[in-house]
Amino acid sequence: MQSRNFRHINGKGARVPKYMIERELPGAGRLTVAELQALSRKSNKIIAELGPEIRWLTSYVTDDKIYCVYVAPDEDILQEHARCGGFPADTISRVSTVIDPSTGD
């Protein structure tokens, strides 16, 4: 079975873990483009203030939750990002391995 270790290399050559954050946000799927842009801008601003060790990779919006993928040295900086932005961070899980259809080949 093939799997990929889900870590990134930072600018210093060190491996940095990847995290999945579950944010409970009732009605998330009904947010307008303008509302999503405002949330994104706010998140980007806070990330810039926290420094280069935290990176937001992507987010998935569902009806009542947003799942965000980040690269960060630890959960503490992700909690700080959530606190500064007023974003929920209901569950933060470190990604240990990623599988996809090619894993079965």
PDB file of N, CA and C in Angstrom:
ATOM      1  N   MET A   1       0.839  -1.174   0.000  1.00  0.00           N
ATOM      2  CA  MET A   1       0.000   0.000   0.000  1.00  0.00           C
ATOM      3  C   MET A   1       0.885   1.239   0.000  1.00  0.00           C
ATOM      4  N   GLN A   2       0.571   2.177  -0.871  1.00  0.00           N
ATOM      5  CA  GLN A   2       1.298   3.427  -0.893  1.00  0.00           C
ATOM      6  C   GLN A   2       0.531   4.447  -0.065  1.00  0.00           C
ATOM      7  N   SER A   3       1.249   5.254   0.657  1.00  0.00           N
ATOM      8  CA  SER A   3       0.660   6.387   1.358  1.00  0.00           C
ATOM      9  C   SER A   3       1.686   7.497   1.341  1.00  0.00           C
ATOM     10  N   ARG A   4       1.205   8.674   1.596  1.00  0.00           N
ATOM     11  CA  ARG A   4       2.106   9.817   1.612  1.00  0.00           C
ATOM     12  C   ARG A   4       2.098  10.436   2.987  1.00  0.00           C
ATOM     13  N   ASN A   5       3.284  10.701   3.513  1.00  0.00           N
ATOM     14  CA  ASN A   5       3.386  11.424   4.762  1.00  0.00           C
ATOM     15  C   ASN A   5       2.971  12.849   4.461  1.00  0.00           C
ATOM     16  N   PHE A   6       2.032  13.371   5.204  1.00  0.00           N
ATOM     17  CA  PHE A   6       1.469  14.679   4.876  1.00  0.00           C
ATOM     18  C   PHE A   6       2.148  15.777   5.667  1.00  0.00           C
ATOM     19  N   ARG A   7       3.372  16.089   5.287  1.00  0.00           N
ATOM     20  CA  ARG A   7       4.112  17.186   5.875  1.00  0.00           C
ATOM     21  C   ARG A   7       4.685  18.010   4.743  1.00  0.00           C
ATOM     22  N   HIS A   8       4.972  19.234   5.046  1.00  0.00           N
ATOM     23  CA  HIS A   8       5.590  20.130   4.075  1.00  0.00           C
ATOM     24  C   HIS A   8       6.978  20.489   4.559  1.00  0.00           C
ATOM     25  N   ILE A   9       7.791  20.908   3.626  1.00  0.00           N
ATOM     26  CA  ILE A   9       9.124  21.388   3.942  1.00  0.00           C
ATOM     27  C   ILE A   9       9.059  22.911   4.005  1.00  0.00           C
ATOM     28  N   ASN A  10       9.511  23.486   5.117  1.00  0.00           N
ATOM     29  CA  ASN A  10       9.515  24.948   5.191  1.00  0.00           C
ATOM     30  C   ASN A  10      10.767  25.497   4.516  1.00  0.00           C
ATOM     31  N   GLY A  11      10.927  26.800   4.509  1.00  0.00           N
ATOM     32  CA  GLY A  11      12.046  27.446   3.847  1.00  0.00           C
ATOM     33  C   GLY A  11      13.399  27.081   4.423  1.00  0.00           C
ATOM     34  N   LYS A  12      13.404  26.508   5.624  1.00  0.00           N
ATOM     35  CA  LYS A  12      14.655  26.132   6.280  1.00  0.00           C
ATOM     36  C   LYS A  12      14.957  24.640   6.105  1.00  0.00           C
ATOM     37  N   GLY A  13      14.148  23.960   5.333  1.00  0.00           N
ATOM     38  CA  GLY A  13      14.370  22.536   5.090  1.00  0.00           C
ATOM     39  C   GLY A  13      13.775  21.624   6.151  1.00  0.00           C
ATOM     40  N   ALA A  14      13.071  22.191   7.121  1.00  0.00           N
ATOM     41  CA  ALA A  14      12.471  21.375   8.189  1.00  0.00           C
ATOM     42  C   ALA A  14      11.072  20.920   7.773  1.00  0.00           C
ATOM     43  N   ARG A  15      10.711  19.751   8.231  1.00  0.00           N
ATOM     44  CA  ARG A  15       9.364  19.236   7.962  1.00  0.00           C
ATOM     45  C   ARG A  15       8.380  19.853   8.947  1.00  0.00           C
ATOM     46  N   VAL A  16       7.251  20.318   8.413  1.00  0.00           N
ATOM     47  CA  VAL A  16       6.228  20.968   9.225  1.00  0.00           C
ATOM     48  C   VAL A  16       4.933  20.171   9.063  1.00  0.00           C
ATOM     49  N   PRO A  17       4.286  19.812  10.170  1.00  0.00           N
ATOM     50  CA  PRO A  17       3.067  18.995  10.075  1.00  0.00           C
ATOM     51  C   PRO A  17       1.883  19.734   9.453  1.00  0.00           C
ATOM     52  N   LYS A  18       0.994  18.944   8.928  1.00  0.00           N
ATOM     53  CA  LYS A  18      -0.240  19.448   8.336  1.00  0.00           C
ATOM     54  C   LYS A  18      -1.386  19.120   9.294  1.00  0.00           C
ATOM     55  N   TYR A  19      -2.356  20.025   9.366  1.00  0.00           N
ATOM     56  CA  TYR A  19      -3.504  19.864  10.260  1.00  0.00           C
ATOM     57  C   TYR A  19      -4.806  20.089   9.509  1.00  0.00           C
ATOM     58  N   MET A  20      -5.854  19.399   9.976  1.00  0.00           N
ATOM     59  CA  MET A  20      -7.218  19.615   9.501  1.00  0.00           C
ATOM     60  C   MET A  20      -7.979  20.241  10.670  1.00  0.00           C
ATOM     61  N   ILE A  21      -8.612  21.384  10.401  1.00  0.00           N
ATOM     62  CA  ILE A  21      -9.394  22.067  11.426  1.00  0.00           C
ATOM     63  C   ILE A  21     -10.860  21.989  11.041  1.00  0.00           C
ATOM     64  N   GLU A  22     -11.672  21.530  11.971  1.00  0.00           N
ATOM     65  CA  GLU A  22     -13.121  21.482  11.776  1.00  0.00           C
ATOM     66  C   GLU A  22     -13.721  22.688  12.493  1.00  0.00           C
ATOM     67  N   ARG A  23     -14.412  23.517  11.725  1.00  0.00           N
ATOM     68  CA  ARG A  23     -15.027  24.721  12.276  1.00  0.00           C
ATOM     69  C   ARG A  23     -16.545  24.615  12.118  1.00  0.00           C
ATOM     70  N   GLU A  24     -17.247  24.517  13.233  1.00  0.00           N
ATOM     71  CA  GLU A  24     -18.708  24.464  13.172  1.00  0.00           C
ATOM     72  C   GLU A  24     -19.221  25.878  12.952  1.00  0.00           C
ATOM     73  N   LEU A  25     -19.917  26.065  11.851  1.00  0.00           N
ATOM     74  CA  LEU A  25     -20.435  27.370  11.476  1.00  0.00           C
ATOM     75  C   LEU A  25     -21.792  27.162  10.805  1.00  0.00           C
ATOM     76  N   PRO A  26     -22.865  27.132  11.613  1.00  0.00           N
ATOM     77  CA  PRO A  26     -24.188  26.903  11.032  1.00  0.00           C
ATOM     78  C   PRO A  26     -24.460  27.861   9.876  1.00  0.00           C
ATOM     79  N   GLY A  27     -24.930  27.313   8.777  1.00  0.00           N
ATOM     80  CA  GLY A  27     -25.238  28.111   7.594  1.00  0.00           C
ATOM     81  C   GLY A  27     -24.034  28.421   6.728  1.00  0.00           C
ATOM     82  N   ALA A  28     -22.906  27.791   6.993  1.00  0.00           N
ATOM     83  CA  ALA A  28     -21.682  28.064   6.220  1.00  0.00           C
ATOM     84  C   ALA A  28     -21.910  27.912   4.724  1.00  0.00           C
ATOM     85  N   GLY A  29     -22.681  26.936   4.333  1.00  0.00           N
ATOM     86  CA  GLY A  29     -22.933  26.688   2.922  1.00  0.00           C
ATOM     87  C   GLY A  29     -23.758  27.767   2.243  1.00  0.00           C
ATOM     88  N   ARG A  30     -24.358  28.639   3.041  1.00  0.00           N
ATOM     89  CA  ARG A  30     -25.161  29.731   2.483  1.00  0.00           C
ATOM     90  C   ARG A  30     -24.419  31.071   2.518  1.00  0.00           C
ATOM     91  N   LEU A  31     -23.151  31.070   2.940  1.00  0.00           N
ATOM     92  CA  LEU A  31     -22.386  32.314   2.944  1.00  0.00           C
ATOM     93  C   LEU A  31     -22.216  32.817   1.519  1.00  0.00           C
ATOM     94  N   THR A  32     -22.298  34.110   1.351  1.00  0.00           N
ATOM     95  CA  THR A  32     -22.140  34.701   0.019  1.00  0.00           C
ATOM     96  C   THR A  32     -20.656  34.752  -0.347  1.00  0.00           C
ATOM     97  N   VAL A  33     -20.401  35.007  -1.617  1.00  0.00           N
ATOM     98  CA  VAL A  33     -19.022  35.170  -2.080  1.00  0.00           C
ATOM     99  C   VAL A  33     -18.356  36.301  -1.304  1.00  0.00           C
ATOM    100  N   ALA A  34     -19.069  37.398  -1.105  1.00  0.00           N
ATOM    101  CA  ALA A  34     -18.510  38.538  -0.373  1.00  0.00           C
ATOM    102  C   ALA A  34     -18.180  38.156   1.072  1.00  0.00           C
ATOM    103  N   GLU A  35     -19.031  37.375   1.713  1.00  0.00           N
ATOM    104  CA  GLU A  35     -18.771  36.946   3.097  1.00  0.00           C
ATOM    105  C   GLU A  35     -17.564  36.013   3.160  1.00  0.00           C
ATOM    106  N   LEU A  36     -17.462  35.101   2.199  1.00  0.00           N
ATOM    107  CA  LEU A  36     -16.310  34.200   2.159  1.00  0.00           C
ATOM    108  C   LEU A  36     -15.021  34.979   1.885  1.00  0.00           C
ATOM    109  N   GLN A  37     -15.100  35.981   1.024  1.00  0.00           N
ATOM    110  CA  GLN A  37     -13.926  36.814   0.758  1.00  0.00           C
ATOM    111  C   GLN A  37     -13.505  37.571   2.012  1.00  0.00           C
ATOM    112  N   ALA A  38     -14.464  38.094   2.761  1.00  0.00           N
ATOM    113  CA  ALA A  38     -14.151  38.822   3.994  1.00  0.00           C
ATOM    114  C   ALA A  38     -13.498  37.899   5.022  1.00  0.00           C
ATOM    115  N   LEU A  39     -14.020  36.687   5.170  1.00  0.00           N
ATOM    116  CA  LEU A  39     -13.413  35.711   6.091  1.00  0.00           C
ATOM    117  C   LEU A  39     -11.991  35.376   5.652  1.00  0.00           C
ATOM    118  N   SER A  40     -11.799  35.193   4.363  1.00  0.00           N
ATOM    119  CA  SER A  40     -10.483  34.857   3.821  1.00  0.00           C
ATOM    120  C   SER A  40      -9.490  35.989   4.048  1.00  0.00           C
ATOM    121  N   ARG A  41      -9.928  37.216   3.806  1.00  0.00           N
ATOM    122  CA  ARG A  41      -9.048  38.374   4.027  1.00  0.00           C
ATOM    123  C   ARG A  41      -8.633  38.473   5.498  1.00  0.00           C
ATOM    124  N   LYS A  42      -9.595  38.275   6.382  1.00  0.00           N
ATOM    125  CA  LYS A  42      -9.314  38.344   7.813  1.00  0.00           C
ATOM    126  C   LYS A  42      -8.311  37.257   8.204  1.00  0.00           C
ATOM    127  N   SER A  43      -8.524  36.056   7.724  1.00  0.00           N
ATOM    128  CA  SER A  43      -7.612  34.946   8.013  1.00  0.00           C
ATOM    129  C   SER A  43      -6.212  35.244   7.484  1.00  0.00           C
ATOM    130  N   ASN A  44      -6.128  35.720   6.245  1.00  0.00           N
ATOM    131  CA  ASN A  44      -4.825  36.035   5.647  1.00  0.00           C
ATOM    132  C   ASN A  44      -4.084  37.108   6.434  1.00  0.00           C
ATOM    133  N   LYS A  45      -4.812  38.111   6.920  1.00  0.00           N
ATOM    134  CA  LYS A  45      -4.204  39.186   7.697  1.00  0.00           C
ATOM    135  C   LYS A  45      -3.602  38.644   8.998  1.00  0.00           C
ATOM    136  N   ILE A  46      -4.344  37.791   9.663  1.00  0.00           N
ATOM    137  CA  ILE A  46      -3.864  37.219  10.925  1.00  0.00           C
ATOM    138  C   ILE A  46      -2.668  36.314  10.676  1.00  0.00           C
ATOM    139  N   ILE A  47      -2.720  35.519   9.623  1.00  0.00           N
ATOM    140  CA  ILE A  47      -1.591  34.647   9.276  1.00  0.00           C
ATOM    141  C   ILE A  47      -0.341  35.491   9.032  1.00  0.00           C
ATOM    142  N   ALA A  48      -0.489  36.591   8.330  1.00  0.00           N
ATOM    143  CA  ALA A  48       0.661  37.471   8.060  1.00  0.00           C
ATOM    144  C   ALA A  48       1.233  38.027   9.358  1.00  0.00           C
ATOM    145  N   GLU A  49       0.377  38.317  10.315  1.00  0.00           N
ATOM    146  CA  GLU A  49       0.828  38.844  11.602  1.00  0.00           C
ATOM    147  C   GLU A  49       1.499  37.768  12.458  1.00  0.00           C
ATOM    148  N   LEU A  50       1.034  36.527  12.339  1.00  0.00           N
ATOM    149  CA  LEU A  50       1.590  35.434  13.149  1.00  0.00           C
ATOM    150  C   LEU A  50       2.941  34.962  12.635  1.00  0.00           C
ATOM    151  N   GLY A  51       3.211  35.170  11.378  1.00  0.00           N
ATOM    152  CA  GLY A  51       4.522  34.806  10.854  1.00  0.00           C
ATOM    153  C   GLY A  51       4.478  33.688   9.833  1.00  0.00           C
ATOM    154  N   PRO A  52       5.624  33.411   9.237  1.00  0.00           N
ATOM    155  CA  PRO A  52       5.679  32.489   8.098  1.00  0.00           C
ATOM    156  C   PRO A  52       5.532  31.008   8.453  1.00  0.00           C
ATOM    157  N   GLU A  53       5.535  30.655   9.732  1.00  0.00           N
ATOM    158  CA  GLU A  53       5.467  29.228  10.056  1.00  0.00           C
ATOM    159  C   GLU A  53       4.062  28.651   9.951  1.00  0.00           C
ATOM    160  N   ILE A  54       3.053  29.490   9.765  1.00  0.00           N
ATOM    161  CA  ILE A  54       1.682  29.004   9.584  1.00  0.00           C
ATOM    162  C   ILE A  54       1.236  29.338   8.159  1.00  0.00           C
ATOM    163  N   ARG A  55       0.657  28.329   7.501  1.00  0.00           N
ATOM    164  CA  ARG A  55       0.152  28.521   6.135  1.00  0.00           C
ATOM    165  C   ARG A  55      -1.208  27.859   5.996  1.00  0.00           C
ATOM    166  N   TRP A  56      -2.119  28.591   5.412  1.00  0.00           N
ATOM    167  CA  TRP A  56      -3.447  28.062   5.103  1.00  0.00           C
ATOM    168  C   TRP A  56      -3.373  27.518   3.691  1.00  0.00           C
ATOM    169  N   LEU A  57      -3.711  26.243   3.510  1.00  0.00           N
ATOM    170  CA  LEU A  57      -3.620  25.616   2.198  1.00  0.00           C
ATOM    171  C   LEU A  57      -4.937  25.638   1.437  1.00  0.00           C
ATOM    172  N   THR A  58      -6.007  25.227   2.103  1.00  0.00           N
ATOM    173  CA  THR A  58      -7.316  25.184   1.433  1.00  0.00           C
ATOM    174  C   THR A  58      -8.396  24.977   2.484  1.00  0.00           C
ATOM    175  N   SER A  59      -9.633  25.223   2.098  1.00  0.00           N
ATOM    176  CA  SER A  59     -10.782  24.963   2.967  1.00  0.00           C
ATOM    177  C   SER A  59     -11.916  24.380   2.147  1.00  0.00           C
ATOM    178  N   TYR A  60     -12.723  23.586   2.823  1.00  0.00           N
ATOM    179  CA  TYR A  60     -13.896  22.965   2.220  1.00  0.00           C
ATOM    180  C   TYR A  60     -15.115  23.438   3.005  1.00  0.00           C
ATOM    181  N   VAL A  61     -16.069  24.035   2.316  1.00  0.00           N
ATOM    182  CA  VAL A  61     -17.263  24.566   2.961  1.00  0.00           C
ATOM    183  C   VAL A  61     -18.406  23.581   2.742  1.00  0.00           C
ATOM    184  N   THR A  62     -19.030  23.174   3.839  1.00  0.00           N
ATOM    185  CA  THR A  62     -20.215  22.310   3.764  1.00  0.00           C
ATOM    186  C   THR A  62     -21.394  23.102   4.326  1.00  0.00           C
ATOM    187  N   ASP A  63     -22.536  22.465   4.455  1.00  0.00           N
ATOM    188  CA  ASP A  63     -23.731  23.177   4.910  1.00  0.00           C
ATOM    189  C   ASP A  63     -23.518  23.919   6.227  1.00  0.00           C
ATOM    190  N   ASP A  64     -22.922  23.241   7.211  1.00  0.00           N
ATOM    191  CA  ASP A  64     -22.805  23.826   8.548  1.00  0.00           C
ATOM    192  C   ASP A  64     -21.404  23.784   9.137  1.00  0.00           C
ATOM    193  N   LYS A  65     -20.415  23.480   8.311  1.00  0.00           N
ATOM    194  CA  LYS A  65     -19.035  23.413   8.801  1.00  0.00           C
ATOM    195  C   LYS A  65     -18.084  23.878   7.711  1.00  0.00           C
ATOM    196  N   ILE A  66     -16.911  24.301   8.153  1.00  0.00           N
ATOM    197  CA  ILE A  66     -15.808  24.578   7.242  1.00  0.00           C
ATOM    198  C   ILE A  66     -14.631  23.748   7.715  1.00  0.00           C
ATOM    199  N   TYR A  67     -14.038  22.999   6.798  1.00  0.00           N
ATOM    200  CA  TYR A  67     -12.861  22.178   7.091  1.00  0.00           C
ATOM    201  C   TYR A  67     -11.662  22.855   6.440  1.00  0.00           C
ATOM    202  N   CYS A  68     -10.684  23.213   7.254  1.00  0.00           N
ATOM    203  CA  CYS A  68      -9.528  23.967   6.769  1.00  0.00           C
ATOM    204  C   CYS A  68      -8.259  23.133   6.919  1.00  0.00           C
ATOM    205  N   VAL A  69      -7.405  23.210   5.932  1.00  0.00           N
ATOM    206  CA  VAL A  69      -6.131  22.499   5.955  1.00  0.00           C
ATOM    207  C   VAL A  69      -5.018  23.540   6.106  1.00  0.00           C
ATOM    208  N   TYR A  70      -4.206  23.333   7.129  1.00  0.00           N
ATOM    209  CA  TYR A  70      -3.113  24.256   7.452  1.00  0.00           C
ATOM    210  C   TYR A  70      -1.810  23.484   7.613  1.00  0.00           C
ATOM    211  N   VAL A  71      -0.714  24.172   7.396  1.00  0.00           N
ATOM    212  CA  VAL A  71       0.608  23.697   7.751  1.00  0.00           C
ATOM    213  C   VAL A  71       1.067  24.605   8.881  1.00  0.00           C
ATOM    214  N   ALA A  72       1.488  24.005   9.980  1.00  0.00           N
ATOM    215  CA  ALA A  72       1.898  24.778  11.155  1.00  0.00           C
ATOM    216  C   ALA A  72       2.801  23.922  12.034  1.00  0.00           C
ATOM    217  N   PRO A  73       3.633  24.555  12.833  1.00  0.00           N
ATOM    218  CA  PRO A  73       4.530  23.774  13.687  1.00  0.00           C
ATOM    219  C   PRO A  73       3.805  23.035  14.806  1.00  0.00           C
ATOM    220  N   ASP A  74       2.644  23.567  15.245  1.00  0.00           N
ATOM    221  CA  ASP A  74       1.913  22.921  16.339  1.00  0.00           C
ATOM    222  C   ASP A  74       0.479  23.455  16.387  1.00  0.00           C
ATOM    223  N   GLU A  75      -0.323  22.860  17.255  1.00  0.00           N
ATOM    224  CA  GLU A  75      -1.720  23.262  17.391  1.00  0.00           C
ATOM    225  C   GLU A  75      -1.865  24.634  18.038  1.00  0.00           C
ATOM    226  N   ASP A  76      -0.903  25.017  18.872  1.00  0.00           N
ATOM    227  CA  ASP A  76      -1.013  26.283  19.598  1.00  0.00           C
ATOM    228  C   ASP A  76      -1.158  27.473  18.656  1.00  0.00           C
ATOM    229  N   ILE A  77      -0.380  27.520  17.605  1.00  0.00           N
ATOM    230  CA  ILE A  77      -0.467  28.650  16.678  1.00  0.00           C
ATOM    231  C   ILE A  77      -1.793  28.640  15.917  1.00  0.00           C
ATOM    232  N   LEU A  78      -2.352  27.463  15.696  1.00  0.00           N
ATOM    233  CA  LEU A  78      -3.659  27.368  15.047  1.00  0.00           C
ATOM    234  C   LEU A  78      -4.759  27.872  15.990  1.00  0.00           C
ATOM    235  N   GLN A  79      -4.630  27.552  17.275  1.00  0.00           N
ATOM    236  CA  GLN A  79      -5.575  28.068  18.270  1.00  0.00           C
ATOM    237  C   GLN A  79      -5.468  29.590  18.361  1.00  0.00           C
ATOM    238  N   GLU A  80      -4.250  30.114  18.294  1.00  0.00           N
ATOM    239  CA  GLU A  80      -4.038  31.555  18.343  1.00  0.00           C
ATOM    240  C   GLU A  80      -4.662  32.235  17.120  1.00  0.00           C
ATOM    241  N   HIS A  81      -4.499  31.629  15.962  1.00  0.00           N
ATOM    242  CA  HIS A  81      -5.124  32.145  14.737  1.00  0.00           C
ATOM    243  C   HIS A  81      -6.639  32.210  14.913  1.00  0.00           C
ATOM    244  N   ALA A  82      -7.224  31.151  15.429  1.00  0.00           N
ATOM    245  CA  ALA A  82      -8.672  31.107  15.633  1.00  0.00           C
ATOM    246  C   ALA A  82      -9.108  32.172  16.649  1.00  0.00           C
ATOM    247  N   ARG A  83      -8.363  32.298  17.731  1.00  0.00           N
ATOM    248  CA  ARG A  83      -8.696  33.278  18.776  1.00  0.00           C
ATOM    249  C   ARG A  83      -8.636  34.702  18.217  1.00  0.00           C
ATOM    250  N   CYS A  84      -7.556  35.025  17.505  1.00  0.00           N
ATOM    251  CA  CYS A  84      -7.387  36.371  16.953  1.00  0.00           C
ATOM    252  C   CYS A  84      -8.460  36.707  15.921  1.00  0.00           C
ATOM    253  N   GLY A  85      -8.889  35.724  15.166  1.00  0.00           N
ATOM    254  CA  GLY A  85      -9.873  35.957  14.116  1.00  0.00           C
ATOM    255  C   GLY A  85     -11.311  35.801  14.556  1.00  0.00           C
ATOM    256  N   GLY A  86     -11.504  35.263  15.761  1.00  0.00           N
ATOM    257  CA  GLY A  86     -12.863  34.982  16.205  1.00  0.00           C
ATOM    258  C   GLY A  86     -13.481  33.817  15.452  1.00  0.00           C
ATOM    259  N   PHE A  87     -12.601  32.937  14.917  1.00  0.00           N
ATOM    260  CA  PHE A  87     -13.071  31.766  14.175  1.00  0.00           C
ATOM    261  C   PHE A  87     -13.212  30.588  15.136  1.00  0.00           C
ATOM    262  N   PRO A  88     -14.229  29.744  14.958  1.00  0.00           N
ATOM    263  CA  PRO A  88     -14.256  28.517  15.749  1.00  0.00           C
ATOM    264  C   PRO A  88     -13.145  27.573  15.287  1.00  0.00           C
ATOM    265  N   ALA A  89     -12.639  26.801  16.209  1.00  0.00           N
ATOM    266  CA  ALA A  89     -11.694  25.718  15.887  1.00  0.00           C
ATOM    267  C   ALA A  89     -12.099  24.556  16.780  1.00  0.00           C
ATOM    268  N   ASP A  90     -13.207  23.917  16.414  1.00  0.00           N
ATOM    269  CA  ASP A  90     -13.824  22.908  17.270  1.00  0.00           C
ATOM    270  C   ASP A  90     -12.974  21.656  17.404  1.00  0.00           C
ATOM    271  N   THR A  91     -12.342  21.257  16.325  1.00  0.00           N
ATOM    272  CA  THR A  91     -11.456  20.095  16.349  1.00  0.00           C
ATOM    273  C   THR A  91     -10.236  20.400  15.495  1.00  0.00           C
ATOM    274  N   ILE A  92      -9.064  20.154  16.052  1.00  0.00           N
ATOM    275  CA  ILE A  92      -7.825  20.286  15.288  1.00  0.00           C
ATOM    276  C   ILE A  92      -7.155  18.917  15.304  1.00  0.00           C
ATOM    277  N   SER A  93      -6.965  18.355  14.127  1.00  0.00           N
ATOM    278  CA  SER A  93      -6.378  17.016  14.008  1.00  0.00           C
ATOM    279  C   SER A  93      -5.119  17.075  13.153  1.00  0.00           C
ATOM    280  N   ARG A  94      -4.055  16.468  13.661  1.00  0.00           N
ATOM    281  CA  ARG A  94      -2.820  16.384  12.886  1.00  0.00           C
ATOM    282  C   ARG A  94      -2.969  15.277  11.846  1.00  0.00           C
ATOM    283  N   VAL A  95      -2.643  15.588  10.614  1.00  0.00           N
ATOM    284  CA  VAL A  95      -2.741  14.610   9.528  1.00  0.00           C
ATOM    285  C   VAL A  95      -1.498  13.730   9.581  1.00  0.00           C
ATOM    286  N   SER A  96      -1.705  12.435   9.673  1.00  0.00           N
ATOM    287  CA  SER A  96      -0.564  11.520   9.744  1.00  0.00           C
ATOM    288  C   SER A  96      -0.235  10.908   8.389  1.00  0.00           C
ATOM    289  N   THR A  97      -1.252  10.637   7.595  1.00  0.00           N
ATOM    290  CA  THR A  97      -1.058  10.006   6.294  1.00  0.00           C
ATOM    291  C   THR A  97      -2.197  10.396   5.381  1.00  0.00           C
ATOM    292  N   VAL A  98      -1.915  10.451   4.106  1.00  0.00           N
ATOM    293  CA  VAL A  98      -2.944  10.726   3.104  1.00  0.00           C
ATOM    294  C   VAL A  98      -3.005   9.539   2.154  1.00  0.00           C
ATOM    295  N   ILE A  99      -4.216   9.121   1.857  1.00  0.00           N
ATOM    296  CA  ILE A  99      -4.411   8.091   0.852  1.00  0.00           C
ATOM    297  C   ILE A  99      -5.334   8.658  -0.217  1.00  0.00           C
ATOM    298  N   ASP A 100      -5.262   8.120  -1.395  1.00  0.00           N
ATOM    299  CA  ASP A 100      -6.126   8.508  -2.495  1.00  0.00           C
ATOM    300  C   ASP A 100      -6.300   7.285  -3.389  1.00  0.00           C
ATOM    301  N   PRO A 101      -7.016   7.398  -4.491  1.00  0.00           N
ATOM    302  CA  PRO A 101      -7.227   6.221  -5.334  1.00  0.00           C
ATOM    303  C   PRO A 101      -5.935   5.515  -5.759  1.00  0.00           C
ATOM    304  N   SER A 102      -4.862   6.251  -5.933  1.00  0.00           N
ATOM    305  CA  SER A 102      -3.594   5.621  -6.347  1.00  0.00           C
ATOM    306  C   SER A 102      -3.008   4.741  -5.256  1.00  0.00           C
ATOM    307  N   THR A 103      -3.471   4.917  -4.005  1.00  0.00           N
ATOM    308  CA  THR A 103      -2.979   4.071  -2.917  1.00  0.00           C
ATOM    309  C   THR A 103      -3.326   2.598  -3.172  1.00  0.00           C
ATOM    310  N   GLY A 104      -4.440   2.366  -3.859  1.00  0.00           N
ATOM    311  CA  GLY A 104      -4.880   1.002  -4.154  1.00  0.00           C
ATOM    312  C   GLY A 104      -4.169   0.359  -5.317  1.00  0.00           C
ATOM    313  N   ASP A 105      -3.356   1.122  -6.028  1.00  0.00           N
ATOM    314  CA  ASP A 105      -2.644   0.561  -7.191  1.00  0.00           C
ATOM    315  C   ASP A 105      -1.456  -0.274  -6.783  1.00  0.00           C
TER     316      ASP A 105
END
